[in-house]
Amino acid sequence: MPCYRCGARQTDPVRGASPWKRGVRHEAQVLVCPDCQRAQDLDLDTCPTCASTALICRLGEVECRSCGLVRLAQAPSPGSPDLSGLAAEVEAALNRVLGRN
């Protein structure tokens, strides 16, 4: 998945924690590259309880890593990223690796 701001692709990290950060924007999981993390306004969704941007989105839920609040994800909004191209790209890569036609 590329950085949602600049489109840079994540490469295999050296040993240790990845410098890339996860966030939620318009109810969708996004990645933020180290360069874009320096921006003052990342325009990420915030927790309604504690206002933290440390959110993760999985299986139709959004969880706050700061306070633990879990809520259902809303339907994608018109400004949300279109991941259909990414899904097709991942499917093609899996087909190549697994030798499928």
PDB file of N, CA and C in Angstrom:
ATOM      1  N   MET A   1       0.852  -1.169   0.000  1.00  0.00           N
ATOM      2  CA  MET A   1       0.000   0.000   0.000  1.00  0.00           C
ATOM      3  C   MET A   1       0.903   1.238   0.000  1.00  0.00           C
ATOM      4  N   PRO A   2       0.645   2.181  -0.878  1.00  0.00           N
ATOM      5  CA  PRO A   2       1.469   3.395  -0.924  1.00  0.00           C
ATOM      6  C   PRO A   2       1.068   4.407   0.148  1.00  0.00           C
ATOM      7  N   CYS A   3       1.934   5.393   0.344  1.00  0.00           N
ATOM      8  CA  CYS A   3       1.626   6.508   1.236  1.00  0.00           C
ATOM      9  C   CYS A   3       0.422   7.250   0.654  1.00  0.00           C
ATOM     10  N   TYR A   4      -0.554   7.535   1.483  1.00  0.00           N
ATOM     11  CA  TYR A   4      -1.772   8.172   0.979  1.00  0.00           C
ATOM     12  C   TYR A   4      -1.528   9.608   0.534  1.00  0.00           C
ATOM     13  N   ARG A   5      -0.470  10.260   1.020  1.00  0.00           N
ATOM     14  CA  ARG A   5      -0.212  11.660   0.672  1.00  0.00           C
ATOM     15  C   ARG A   5       0.612  11.802  -0.593  1.00  0.00           C
ATOM     16  N   CYS A   6       1.724  11.051  -0.686  1.00  0.00           N
ATOM     17  CA  CYS A   6       2.653  11.261  -1.803  1.00  0.00           C
ATOM     18  C   CYS A   6       2.714  10.080  -2.766  1.00  0.00           C
ATOM     19  N   GLY A   7       2.142   8.941  -2.393  1.00  0.00           N
ATOM     20  CA  GLY A   7       2.131   7.782  -3.273  1.00  0.00           C
ATOM     21  C   GLY A   7       3.386   6.931  -3.230  1.00  0.00           C
ATOM     22  N   ALA A   8       4.345   7.263  -2.364  1.00  0.00           N
ATOM     23  CA  ALA A   8       5.577   6.470  -2.262  1.00  0.00           C
ATOM     24  C   ALA A   8       5.230   5.055  -1.809  1.00  0.00           C
ATOM     25  N   ARG A   9       5.933   4.092  -2.365  1.00  0.00           N
ATOM     26  CA  ARG A   9       5.716   2.692  -2.009  1.00  0.00           C
ATOM     27  C   ARG A   9       6.619   2.291  -0.857  1.00  0.00           C
ATOM     28  N   GLN A  10       6.086   1.513   0.056  1.00  0.00           N
ATOM     29  CA  GLN A  10       6.862   1.021   1.184  1.00  0.00           C
ATOM     30  C   GLN A  10       7.794  -0.081   0.697  1.00  0.00           C
ATOM     31  N   THR A  11       9.036  -0.012   1.126  1.00  0.00           N
ATOM     32  CA  THR A  11      10.007  -1.045   0.772  1.00  0.00           C
ATOM     33  C   THR A  11      10.247  -1.927   1.991  1.00  0.00           C
ATOM     34  N   ASP A  12      10.878  -3.059   1.777  1.00  0.00           N
ATOM     35  CA  ASP A  12      11.181  -3.946   2.900  1.00  0.00           C
ATOM     36  C   ASP A  12      12.078  -3.215   3.883  1.00  0.00           C
ATOM     37  N   PRO A  13      11.647  -3.130   5.132  1.00  0.00           N
ATOM     38  CA  PRO A  13      12.447  -2.399   6.118  1.00  0.00           C
ATOM     39  C   PRO A  13      13.668  -3.202   6.563  1.00  0.00           C
ATOM     40  N   VAL A  14      14.637  -2.495   7.054  1.00  0.00           N
ATOM     41  CA  VAL A  14      15.771  -3.125   7.682  1.00  0.00           C
ATOM     42  C   VAL A  14      15.227  -3.726   8.986  1.00  0.00           C
ATOM     43  N   ARG A  15      15.991  -4.544   9.634  1.00  0.00           N
ATOM     44  CA  ARG A  15      15.505  -5.137  10.888  1.00  0.00           C
ATOM     45  C   ARG A  15      14.995  -4.063  11.843  1.00  0.00           C
ATOM     46  N   GLY A  16      13.971  -4.427  12.569  1.00  0.00           N
ATOM     47  CA  GLY A  16      13.404  -3.491  13.537  1.00  0.00           C
ATOM     48  C   GLY A  16      12.061  -2.971  13.078  1.00  0.00           C
ATOM     49  N   ALA A  17      11.568  -2.025  13.813  1.00  0.00           N
ATOM     50  CA  ALA A  17      10.255  -1.446  13.529  1.00  0.00           C
ATOM     51  C   ALA A  17      10.288  -0.619  12.251  1.00  0.00           C
ATOM     52  N   SER A  18       9.202  -0.649  11.531  1.00  0.00           N
ATOM     53  CA  SER A  18       9.074   0.128  10.309  1.00  0.00           C
ATOM     54  C   SER A  18       8.907   1.605  10.648  1.00  0.00           C
ATOM     55  N   PRO A  19       9.547   2.505   9.888  1.00  0.00           N
ATOM     56  CA  PRO A  19       9.350   3.935  10.127  1.00  0.00           C
ATOM     57  C   PRO A  19       8.006   4.452   9.583  1.00  0.00           C
ATOM     58  N   TRP A  20       7.302   3.629   8.827  1.00  0.00           N
ATOM     59  CA  TRP A  20       5.990   4.001   8.306  1.00  0.00           C
ATOM     60  C   TRP A  20       4.966   3.903   9.419  1.00  0.00           C
ATOM     61  N   LYS A  21       3.973   4.789   9.386  1.00  0.00           N
ATOM     62  CA  LYS A  21       2.914   4.809  10.388  1.00  0.00           C
ATOM     63  C   LYS A  21       1.575   4.491   9.736  1.00  0.00           C
ATOM     64  N   ARG A  22       0.719   3.829  10.502  1.00  0.00           N
ATOM     65  CA  ARG A  22      -0.641   3.559  10.044  1.00  0.00           C
ATOM     66  C   ARG A  22      -1.574   4.624  10.591  1.00  0.00           C
ATOM     67  N   GLY A  23      -2.639   4.842   9.864  1.00  0.00           N
ATOM     68  CA  GLY A  23      -3.670   5.762  10.308  1.00  0.00           C
ATOM     69  C   GLY A  23      -4.974   5.425   9.615  1.00  0.00           C
ATOM     70  N   VAL A  24      -6.008   6.148   9.939  1.00  0.00           N
ATOM     71  CA  VAL A  24      -7.310   5.970   9.301  1.00  0.00           C
ATOM     72  C   VAL A  24      -7.721   7.314   8.735  1.00  0.00           C
ATOM     73  N   ARG A  25      -8.136   7.288   7.483  1.00  0.00           N
ATOM     74  CA  ARG A  25      -8.592   8.511   6.810  1.00  0.00           C
ATOM     75  C   ARG A  25      -9.843   8.171   6.036  1.00  0.00           C
ATOM     76  N   HIS A  26     -10.921   8.872   6.301  1.00  0.00           N
ATOM     77  CA  HIS A  26     -12.218   8.600   5.661  1.00  0.00           C
ATOM     78  C   HIS A  26     -12.597   7.136   5.823  1.00  0.00           C
ATOM     79  N   GLU A  27     -12.404   6.609   7.049  1.00  0.00           N
ATOM     80  CA  GLU A  27     -12.811   5.251   7.411  1.00  0.00           C
ATOM     81  C   GLU A  27     -12.018   4.147   6.704  1.00  0.00           C
ATOM     82  N   ALA A  28     -10.864   4.484   6.145  1.00  0.00           N
ATOM     83  CA  ALA A  28     -10.029   3.485   5.479  1.00  0.00           C
ATOM     84  C   ALA A  28      -8.620   3.524   6.066  1.00  0.00           C
ATOM     85  N   GLN A  29      -8.012   2.351   6.195  1.00  0.00           N
ATOM     86  CA  GLN A  29      -6.639   2.250   6.691  1.00  0.00           C
ATOM     87  C   GLN A  29      -5.693   2.860   5.658  1.00  0.00           C
ATOM     88  N   VAL A  30      -4.773   3.703   6.099  1.00  0.00           N
ATOM     89  CA  VAL A  30      -3.777   4.306   5.212  1.00  0.00           C
ATOM     90  C   VAL A  30      -2.398   4.185   5.850  1.00  0.00           C
ATOM     91  N   LEU A  31      -1.388   4.303   5.022  1.00  0.00           N
ATOM     92  CA  LEU A  31      -0.006   4.358   5.489  1.00  0.00           C
ATOM     93  C   LEU A  31       0.538   5.756   5.245  1.00  0.00           C
ATOM     94  N   VAL A  32       1.431   6.187   6.132  1.00  0.00           N
ATOM     95  CA  VAL A  32       2.072   7.491   5.993  1.00  0.00           C
ATOM     96  C   VAL A  32       3.578   7.260   6.003  1.00  0.00           C
ATOM     97  N   CYS A  33       4.255   7.697   4.938  1.00  0.00           N
ATOM     98  CA  CYS A  33       5.703   7.498   4.835  1.00  0.00           C
ATOM     99  C   CYS A  33       6.435   8.417   5.823  1.00  0.00           C
ATOM    100  N   PRO A  34       7.688   8.112   6.113  1.00  0.00           N
ATOM    101  CA  PRO A  34       8.439   8.940   7.067  1.00  0.00           C
ATOM    102  C   PRO A  34       8.523  10.409   6.663  1.00  0.00           C
ATOM    103  N   ASP A  35       8.659  10.693   5.360  1.00  0.00           N
ATOM    104  CA  ASP A  35       8.745  12.093   4.919  1.00  0.00           C
ATOM    105  C   ASP A  35       7.439  12.839   5.174  1.00  0.00           C
ATOM    106  N   CYS A  36       6.313  12.225   4.855  1.00  0.00           N
ATOM    107  CA  CYS A  36       5.022  12.891   5.032  1.00  0.00           C
ATOM    108  C   CYS A  36       4.629  13.006   6.505  1.00  0.00           C
ATOM    109  N   GLN A  37       5.194  12.180   7.370  1.00  0.00           N
ATOM    110  CA  GLN A  37       4.887  12.267   8.796  1.00  0.00           C
ATOM    111  C   GLN A  37       5.322  13.612   9.379  1.00  0.00           C
ATOM    112  N   ARG A  38       6.236  14.289   8.717  1.00  0.00           N
ATOM    113  CA  ARG A  38       6.718  15.593   9.200  1.00  0.00           C
ATOM    114  C   ARG A  38       5.702  16.709   8.976  1.00  0.00           C
ATOM    115  N   ALA A  39       4.704  16.461   8.121  1.00  0.00           N
ATOM    116  CA  ALA A  39       3.685  17.473   7.827  1.00  0.00           C
ATOM    117  C   ALA A  39       2.872  17.771   9.084  1.00  0.00           C
ATOM    118  N   GLN A  40       2.491  19.001   9.249  1.00  0.00           N
ATOM    119  CA  GLN A  40       1.725  19.415  10.421  1.00  0.00           C
ATOM    120  C   GLN A  40       0.306  18.852  10.400  1.00  0.00           C
ATOM    121  N   ASP A  41      -0.344  18.901   9.252  1.00  0.00           N
ATOM    122  CA  ASP A  41      -1.733  18.446   9.158  1.00  0.00           C
ATOM    123  C   ASP A  41      -1.810  17.246   8.229  1.00  0.00           C
ATOM    124  N   LEU A  42      -1.874  16.044   8.809  1.00  0.00           N
ATOM    125  CA  LEU A  42      -1.960  14.832   7.999  1.00  0.00           C
ATOM    126  C   LEU A  42      -3.391  14.528   7.575  1.00  0.00           C
ATOM    127  N   ASP A  43      -4.373  15.247   8.103  1.00  0.00           N
ATOM    128  CA  ASP A  43      -5.785  15.063   7.759  1.00  0.00           C
ATOM    129  C   ASP A  43      -6.236  13.624   8.013  1.00  0.00           C
ATOM    130  N   LEU A  44      -5.839  13.069   9.174  1.00  0.00           N
ATOM    131  CA  LEU A  44      -6.266  11.726   9.552  1.00  0.00           C
ATOM    132  C   LEU A  44      -7.492  11.815  10.441  1.00  0.00           C
ATOM    133  N   ASP A  45      -8.299  10.759  10.449  1.00  0.00           N
ATOM    134  CA  ASP A  45      -9.450  10.700  11.339  1.00  0.00           C
ATOM    135  C   ASP A  45      -8.964  10.679  12.785  1.00  0.00           C
ATOM    136  N   THR A  46      -9.785  11.164  13.687  1.00  0.00           N
ATOM    137  CA  THR A  46      -9.439  11.175  15.107  1.00  0.00           C
ATOM    138  C   THR A  46     -10.480  10.397  15.903  1.00  0.00           C
ATOM    139  N   CYS A  47     -10.082   9.938  17.054  1.00  0.00           N
ATOM    140  CA  CYS A  47     -10.975   9.225  17.967  1.00  0.00           C
ATOM    141  C   CYS A  47     -11.988  10.215  18.549  1.00  0.00           C
ATOM    142  N   PRO A  48     -13.272   9.869  18.543  1.00  0.00           N
ATOM    143  CA  PRO A  48     -14.270  10.777  19.105  1.00  0.00           C
ATOM    144  C   PRO A  48     -14.175  10.902  20.627  1.00  0.00           C
ATOM    145  N   THR A  49     -13.504   9.974  21.274  1.00  0.00           N
ATOM    146  CA  THR A  49     -13.383  10.004  22.728  1.00  0.00           C
ATOM    147  C   THR A  49     -12.165  10.788  23.200  1.00  0.00           C
ATOM    148  N   CYS A  50     -10.980  10.463  22.613  1.00  0.00           N
ATOM    149  CA  CYS A  50      -9.741  11.075  23.127  1.00  0.00           C
ATOM    150  C   CYS A  50      -9.018  11.965  22.108  1.00  0.00           C
ATOM    151  N   ALA A  51      -9.548  12.067  20.886  1.00  0.00           N
ATOM    152  CA  ALA A  51      -8.999  12.904  19.814  1.00  0.00           C
ATOM    153  C   ALA A  51      -7.648  12.419  19.284  1.00  0.00           C
ATOM    154  N   SER A  52      -7.250  11.197  19.601  1.00  0.00           N
ATOM    155  CA  SER A  52      -6.000  10.639  19.096  1.00  0.00           C
ATOM    156  C   SER A  52      -6.144  10.263  17.622  1.00  0.00           C
ATOM    157  N   THR A  53      -5.051  10.330  16.875  1.00  0.00           N
ATOM    158  CA  THR A  53      -5.041   9.864  15.493  1.00  0.00           C
ATOM    159  C   THR A  53      -4.456   8.453  15.391  1.00  0.00           C
ATOM    160  N   ALA A  54      -4.177   7.819  16.520  1.00  0.00           N
ATOM    161  CA  ALA A  54      -3.615   6.459  16.538  1.00  0.00           C
ATOM    162  C   ALA A  54      -4.742   5.447  16.358  1.00  0.00           C
ATOM    163  N   LEU A  55      -5.314   5.423  15.158  1.00  0.00           N
ATOM    164  CA  LEU A  55      -6.433   4.543  14.850  1.00  0.00           C
ATOM    165  C   LEU A  55      -5.995   3.457  13.876  1.00  0.00           C
ATOM    166  N   ILE A  56      -6.649   2.293  13.977  1.00  0.00           N
ATOM    167  CA  ILE A  56      -6.468   1.240  12.979  1.00  0.00           C
ATOM    168  C   ILE A  56      -7.848   0.791  12.528  1.00  0.00           C
ATOM    169  N   CYS A  57      -7.936   0.371  11.292  1.00  0.00           N
ATOM    170  CA  CYS A  57      -9.202  -0.067  10.717  1.00  0.00           C
ATOM    171  C   CYS A  57      -9.027  -1.516  10.276  1.00  0.00           C
ATOM    172  N   ARG A  58      -9.918  -2.379  10.761  1.00  0.00           N
ATOM    173  CA  ARG A  58      -9.849  -3.785  10.367  1.00  0.00           C
ATOM    174  C   ARG A  58     -11.229  -4.418  10.477  1.00  0.00           C
ATOM    175  N   LEU A  59     -11.540  -5.242   9.505  1.00  0.00           N
ATOM    176  CA  LEU A  59     -12.778  -6.016   9.507  1.00  0.00           C
ATOM    177  C   LEU A  59     -14.012  -5.198   9.874  1.00  0.00           C
ATOM    178  N   GLY A  60     -14.120  -4.031   9.274  1.00  0.00           N
ATOM    179  CA  GLY A  60     -15.297  -3.205   9.483  1.00  0.00           C
ATOM    180  C   GLY A  60     -15.340  -2.472  10.807  1.00  0.00           C
ATOM    181  N   GLU A  61     -14.219  -2.463  11.537  1.00  0.00           N
ATOM    182  CA  GLU A  61     -14.149  -1.750  12.799  1.00  0.00           C
ATOM    183  C   GLU A  61     -12.983  -0.772  12.783  1.00  0.00           C
ATOM    184  N   VAL A  62     -13.120   0.285  13.567  1.00  0.00           N
ATOM    185  CA  VAL A  62     -12.038   1.235  13.777  1.00  0.00           C
ATOM    186  C   VAL A  62     -11.718   1.196  15.267  1.00  0.00           C
ATOM    187  N   GLU A  63     -10.434   0.974  15.586  1.00  0.00           N
ATOM    188  CA  GLU A  63     -10.011   0.897  16.983  1.00  0.00           C
ATOM    189  C   GLU A  63      -9.011   1.995  17.280  1.00  0.00           C
ATOM    190  N   CYS A  64      -9.174   2.636  18.420  1.00  0.00           N
ATOM    191  CA  CYS A  64      -8.232   3.650  18.884  1.00  0.00           C
ATOM    192  C   CYS A  64      -7.158   2.953  19.704  1.00  0.00           C
ATOM    193  N   ARG A  65      -5.903   3.115  19.302  1.00  0.00           N
ATOM    194  CA  ARG A  65      -4.800   2.495  20.020  1.00  0.00           C
ATOM    195  C   ARG A  65      -4.471   3.252  21.305  1.00  0.00           C
ATOM    196  N   SER A  66      -4.988   4.455  21.461  1.00  0.00           N
ATOM    197  CA  SER A  66      -4.729   5.236  22.675  1.00  0.00           C
ATOM    198  C   SER A  66      -5.680   4.881  23.814  1.00  0.00           C
ATOM    199  N   CYS A  67      -6.984   4.907  23.530  1.00  0.00           N
ATOM    200  CA  CYS A  67      -7.949   4.678  24.609  1.00  0.00           C
ATOM    201  C   CYS A  67      -8.682   3.348  24.507  1.00  0.00           C
ATOM    202  N   GLY A  68      -8.520   2.630  23.375  1.00  0.00           N
ATOM    203  CA  GLY A  68      -9.135   1.318  23.232  1.00  0.00           C
ATOM    204  C   GLY A  68     -10.551   1.320  22.691  1.00  0.00           C
ATOM    205  N   LEU A  69     -11.123   2.482  22.395  1.00  0.00           N
ATOM    206  CA  LEU A  69     -12.473   2.541  21.849  1.00  0.00           C
ATOM    207  C   LEU A  69     -12.535   1.775  20.530  1.00  0.00           C
ATOM    208  N   VAL A  70     -13.540   0.927  20.385  1.00  0.00           N
ATOM    209  CA  VAL A  70     -13.775   0.200  19.136  1.00  0.00           C
ATOM    210  C   VAL A  70     -15.165   0.581  18.658  1.00  0.00           C
ATOM    211  N   ARG A  71     -15.265   0.945  17.398  1.00  0.00           N
ATOM    212  CA  ARG A  71     -16.559   1.303  16.819  1.00  0.00           C
ATOM    213  C   ARG A  71     -16.656   0.724  15.422  1.00  0.00           C
ATOM    214  N   LEU A  72     -17.868   0.613  14.909  1.00  0.00           N
ATOM    215  CA  LEU A  72     -18.065   0.142  13.550  1.00  0.00           C
ATOM    216  C   LEU A  72     -17.614   1.216  12.572  1.00  0.00           C
ATOM    217  N   ALA A  73     -16.968   0.791  11.504  1.00  0.00           N
ATOM    218  CA  ALA A  73     -16.550   1.735  10.464  1.00  0.00           C
ATOM    219  C   ALA A  73     -17.779   2.170   9.673  1.00  0.00           C
ATOM    220  N   GLN A  74     -17.791   3.416   9.301  1.00  0.00           N
ATOM    221  CA  GLN A  74     -18.869   3.952   8.472  1.00  0.00           C
ATOM    222  C   GLN A  74     -18.642   3.530   7.027  1.00  0.00           C
ATOM    223  N   ALA A  75     -19.646   3.662   6.194  1.00  0.00           N
ATOM    224  CA  ALA A  75     -19.477   3.412   4.760  1.00  0.00           C
ATOM    225  C   ALA A  75     -18.471   4.414   4.215  1.00  0.00           C
ATOM    226  N   PRO A  76     -17.638   4.016   3.226  1.00  0.00           N
ATOM    227  CA  PRO A  76     -16.646   4.941   2.675  1.00  0.00           C
ATOM    228  C   PRO A  76     -17.299   6.219   2.157  1.00  0.00           C
ATOM    229  N   SER A  77     -16.654   7.334   2.421  1.00  0.00           N
ATOM    230  CA  SER A  77     -17.179   8.626   1.981  1.00  0.00           C
ATOM    231  C   SER A  77     -16.664   8.930   0.575  1.00  0.00           C
ATOM    232  N   PRO A  78     -17.267   9.915  -0.109  1.00  0.00           N
ATOM    233  CA  PRO A  78     -16.839  10.244  -1.474  1.00  0.00           C
ATOM    234  C   PRO A  78     -15.364  10.620  -1.577  1.00  0.00           C
ATOM    235  N   GLY A  79     -14.747  11.140  -0.524  1.00  0.00           N
ATOM    236  CA  GLY A  79     -13.343  11.535  -0.574  1.00  0.00           C
ATOM    237  C   GLY A  79     -12.371  10.425  -0.211  1.00  0.00           C
ATOM    238  N   SER A  80     -12.880   9.231   0.057  1.00  0.00           N
ATOM    239  CA  SER A  80     -11.997   8.150   0.489  1.00  0.00           C
ATOM    240  C   SER A  80     -11.208   7.595  -0.691  1.00  0.00           C
ATOM    241  N   PRO A  81     -10.038   7.005  -0.406  1.00  0.00           N
ATOM    242  CA  PRO A  81      -9.214   6.477  -1.482  1.00  0.00           C
ATOM    243  C   PRO A  81      -9.883   5.296  -2.168  1.00  0.00           C
ATOM    244  N   ASP A  82      -9.698   5.197  -3.488  1.00  0.00           N
ATOM    245  CA  ASP A  82     -10.231   4.079  -4.264  1.00  0.00           C
ATOM    246  C   ASP A  82      -9.193   2.964  -4.242  1.00  0.00           C
ATOM    247  N   LEU A  83      -9.517   1.875  -3.565  1.00  0.00           N
ATOM    248  CA  LEU A  83      -8.570   0.783  -3.436  1.00  0.00           C
ATOM    249  C   LEU A  83      -8.803  -0.324  -4.457  1.00  0.00           C
ATOM    250  N   SER A  84      -9.719  -0.136  -5.404  1.00  0.00           N
ATOM    251  CA  SER A  84     -10.004  -1.187  -6.379  1.00  0.00           C
ATOM    252  C   SER A  84      -8.784  -1.487  -7.239  1.00  0.00           C
ATOM    253  N   GLY A  85      -8.016  -0.481  -7.611  1.00  0.00           N
ATOM    254  CA  GLY A  85      -6.795  -0.713  -8.388  1.00  0.00           C
ATOM    255  C   GLY A  85      -5.765  -1.480  -7.587  1.00  0.00           C
ATOM    256  N   LEU A  86      -5.668  -1.186  -6.313  1.00  0.00           N
ATOM    257  CA  LEU A  86      -4.742  -1.900  -5.445  1.00  0.00           C
ATOM    258  C   LEU A  86      -5.147  -3.355  -5.313  1.00  0.00           C
ATOM    259  N   ALA A  87      -6.439  -3.614  -5.179  1.00  0.00           N
ATOM    260  CA  ALA A  87      -6.918  -4.990  -5.064  1.00  0.00           C
ATOM    261  C   ALA A  87      -6.568  -5.782  -6.322  1.00  0.00           C
ATOM    262  N   ALA A  88      -6.730  -5.183  -7.483  1.00  0.00           N
ATOM    263  CA  ALA A  88      -6.387  -5.859  -8.737  1.00  0.00           C
ATOM    264  C   ALA A  88      -4.886  -6.108  -8.833  1.00  0.00           C
ATOM    265  N   GLU A  89      -4.096  -5.149  -8.376  1.00  0.00           N
ATOM    266  CA  GLU A  89      -2.640  -5.291  -8.386  1.00  0.00           C
ATOM    267  C   GLU A  89      -2.191  -6.429  -7.469  1.00  0.00           C
ATOM    268  N   VAL A  90      -2.792  -6.521  -6.288  1.00  0.00           N
ATOM    269  CA  VAL A  90      -2.455  -7.588  -5.347  1.00  0.00           C
ATOM    270  C   VAL A  90      -2.872  -8.941  -5.912  1.00  0.00           C
ATOM    271  N   GLU A  91      -4.055  -9.009  -6.505  1.00  0.00           N
ATOM    272  CA  GLU A  91      -4.515 -10.263  -7.102  1.00  0.00           C
ATOM    273  C   GLU A  91      -3.577 -10.723  -8.212  1.00  0.00           C
ATOM    274  N   ALA A  92      -3.141  -9.808  -9.066  1.00  0.00           N
ATOM    275  CA  ALA A  92      -2.222 -10.169 -10.148  1.00  0.00           C
ATOM    276  C   ALA A  92      -0.892 -10.652  -9.587  1.00  0.00           C
ATOM    277  N   ALA A  93      -0.397 -10.000  -8.528  1.00  0.00           N
ATOM    278  CA  ALA A  93       0.859 -10.429  -7.923  1.00  0.00           C
ATOM    279  C   ALA A  93       0.741 -11.820  -7.311  1.00  0.00           C
ATOM    280  N   LEU A  94      -0.372 -12.087  -6.630  1.00  0.00           N
ATOM    281  CA  LEU A  94      -0.588 -13.409  -6.062  1.00  0.00           C
ATOM    282  C   LEU A  94      -0.680 -14.474  -7.152  1.00  0.00           C
ATOM    283  N   ASN A  95      -1.357 -14.146  -8.223  1.00  0.00           N
ATOM    284  CA  ASN A  95      -1.458 -15.093  -9.345  1.00  0.00           C
ATOM    285  C   ASN A  95      -0.069 -15.413  -9.926  1.00  0.00           C
ATOM    286  N   ARG A  96       0.787 -14.404 -10.048  1.00  0.00           N
ATOM    287  CA  ARG A  96       2.141 -14.638 -10.552  1.00  0.00           C
ATOM    288  C   ARG A  96       2.927 -15.532  -9.604  1.00  0.00           C
ATOM    289  N   VAL A  97       2.888 -15.207  -8.321  1.00  0.00           N
ATOM    290  CA  VAL A  97       3.659 -15.951  -7.328  1.00  0.00           C
ATOM    291  C   VAL A  97       3.158 -17.386  -7.183  1.00  0.00           C
ATOM    292  N   LEU A  98       1.849 -17.562  -7.213  1.00  0.00           N
ATOM    293  CA  LEU A  98       1.280 -18.887  -7.028  1.00  0.00           C
ATOM    294  C   LEU A  98       1.124 -19.664  -8.331  1.00  0.00           C
ATOM    295  N   GLY A  99       1.525 -19.069  -9.443  1.00  0.00           N
ATOM    296  CA  GLY A  99       1.467 -19.755 -10.732  1.00  0.00           C
ATOM    297  C   GLY A  99       0.079 -19.965 -11.267  1.00  0.00           C
ATOM    298  N   ARG A 100      -0.847 -19.118 -10.898  1.00  0.00           N
ATOM    299  CA  ARG A 100      -2.223 -19.215 -11.417  1.00  0.00           C
ATOM    300  C   ARG A 100      -2.305 -18.489 -12.753  1.00  0.00           C
ATOM    301  N   ASN A 101      -3.289 -18.885 -13.545  1.00  0.00           N
ATOM    302  CA  ASN A 101      -3.519 -18.210 -14.839  1.00  0.00           C
ATOM    303  C   ASN A 101      -4.383 -17.011 -14.655  1.00  0.00           C
TER     304      ASN A 101
END
